[in-house]
Protein backbone atom coordinates (compact mmCIF):
# COMPACT_ATOMS: atom_id res chain seq x y z
CA MET A 1 -166.55 366.61 -1.29
CA GLY A 2 -167.02 369.03 -4.20
CA GLY A 3 -169.52 369.02 -6.97
CA LYS A 4 -173.28 369.16 -7.09
CA GLN A 5 -175.10 370.28 -3.95
CA VAL A 6 -177.90 367.90 -3.02
CA GLN A 7 -181.22 369.31 -1.78
CA HIS A 8 -183.08 367.04 0.60
CA TRP A 9 -186.87 367.25 0.82
CA PRO A 10 -188.84 367.96 2.90
CA SER A 11 -186.88 370.96 4.25
CA TRP A 12 -187.45 373.79 6.69
CA TYR A 13 -187.72 377.29 5.18
CA PHE A 14 -187.91 380.60 7.03
CA GLY A 15 -189.74 383.81 6.18
CA PRO A 16 -190.26 387.31 7.55
CA GLY A 17 -191.79 387.90 10.95
CA GLY A 18 -190.38 384.67 12.36
CA GLN A 19 -192.48 382.47 10.08
CA SER A 20 -191.28 379.00 9.20
CA ALA A 21 -192.66 375.98 7.41
CA ILE A 22 -191.69 372.61 6.08
CA CYS A 23 -191.72 372.63 2.27
CA HIS A 24 -191.89 369.40 0.31
CA ARG A 25 -190.51 370.75 -3.00
CA ILE A 26 -188.96 373.95 -4.34
CA GLU A 27 -192.26 375.05 -5.87
CA ASP A 28 -193.77 375.18 -2.36
CA VAL A 29 -191.22 377.70 -1.04
CA PRO A 30 -192.78 381.21 -0.79
CA THR A 31 -190.93 384.05 -2.51
CA GLY A 32 -188.32 385.61 -0.24
CA TRP A 33 -188.09 382.65 2.13
CA CYS A 34 -184.63 381.21 2.95
CA ARG A 35 -183.13 377.99 4.26
CA GLU A 36 -181.47 379.80 7.19
CA PRO A 37 -183.45 382.18 9.47
CA GLU A 38 -180.58 384.69 9.61
CA ASP A 39 -180.71 385.10 5.80
CA VAL A 40 -184.28 386.50 5.86
CA VAL A 41 -184.43 390.22 5.04
CA GLU A 42 -187.29 391.93 6.87
CA ALA A 43 -189.14 394.58 4.89
CA SER A 44 -188.73 398.07 6.28
CA ASP A 45 -191.71 400.23 7.10
CA PRO A 46 -192.72 402.46 4.20
CA PRO A 47 -192.02 406.16 4.73
CA PRO A 48 -195.02 408.23 5.82
CA GLU A 49 -196.98 409.99 3.09
CA ASP A 50 -196.71 413.75 2.71
CA GLY A 51 -199.41 415.64 4.54
CA PRO A 52 -200.03 417.38 7.85
CA GLU A 53 -198.11 414.75 9.85
CA ALA A 54 -195.11 414.18 7.54
CA TRP A 55 -193.12 415.56 4.62
CA ALA A 56 -190.53 413.91 2.33
CA GLY A 57 -190.51 410.74 4.42
CA HIS A 58 -189.94 412.56 7.72
CA ARG A 59 -192.55 412.67 10.46
CA VAL A 60 -193.26 416.20 11.72
CA VAL A 61 -192.61 415.14 15.32
CA ASP A 62 -189.11 414.00 14.29
CA LEU A 63 -188.47 417.22 12.37
CA ILE A 64 -189.56 419.28 15.39
CA ALA A 65 -187.30 417.22 17.66
CA ALA A 66 -184.35 417.83 15.29
CA LEU A 67 -185.06 421.58 15.27
CA ARG A 68 -185.31 421.69 19.07
CA ALA A 69 -182.04 419.76 19.38
CA ALA A 70 -180.42 422.42 17.17
CA GLY A 71 -181.78 425.17 19.43
CA GLN A 72 -184.27 426.43 16.84
CA PRO A 73 -187.65 427.90 17.79
CA ILE A 74 -190.77 425.95 16.87
CA ARG A 75 -193.25 428.10 14.94
CA ALA A 76 -196.90 427.13 15.31
CA PHE A 77 -197.88 428.61 11.94
CA GLU A 78 -195.49 426.45 9.86
CA ASN A 79 -196.89 423.50 7.92
CA SER A 80 -195.03 420.20 7.48
CA ARG A 81 -193.33 421.30 4.24
CA GLN A 82 -192.08 424.53 5.84
CA ILE A 83 -190.77 422.67 8.89
CA PHE A 84 -188.97 420.22 6.59
CA GLU A 85 -187.45 423.04 4.49
CA ARG A 86 -186.22 424.87 7.58
CA ALA A 87 -184.65 421.67 8.95
CA VAL A 88 -182.87 421.20 5.60
CA ALA A 89 -181.79 424.86 5.47
CA ILE A 90 -180.05 424.71 8.84
CA GLY A 91 -178.57 421.29 8.04
CA VAL A 92 -180.21 419.05 10.65
CA ILE A 93 -181.46 416.67 7.91
CA PRO A 94 -180.32 416.13 4.30
CA ALA A 95 -182.35 417.59 1.42
CA TYR A 96 -184.31 415.58 -1.14
CA GLY A 97 -182.04 413.10 -2.85
CA LYS A 98 -178.86 414.81 -1.70
CA PRO A 99 -176.43 412.44 0.01
CA ASP A 100 -175.31 413.30 3.52
CA THR A 101 -171.73 414.52 2.95
CA ASP A 102 -170.52 414.29 6.55
């Protein structure tokens, strides 16, 4: 049966974090909610802000782990930016805005 799709109200709608609700009209449906739970796109965590614990969206602990995995020494005097730049220089993470070409 082709043609116009009929919307029946009230209807279940699903949102992020497993939320769901019965909506009685289209105006009641929150932005980003969907008719099927598998269609909901969960927001990703924002990248950490630059500072002592992170640089360019990378946490320092992750940068140190990448350097250790590459057999690089960890230098106590380096700040987060220096650790990030060294990780980029040896190729364990991609640089700012440069696509990973592997």
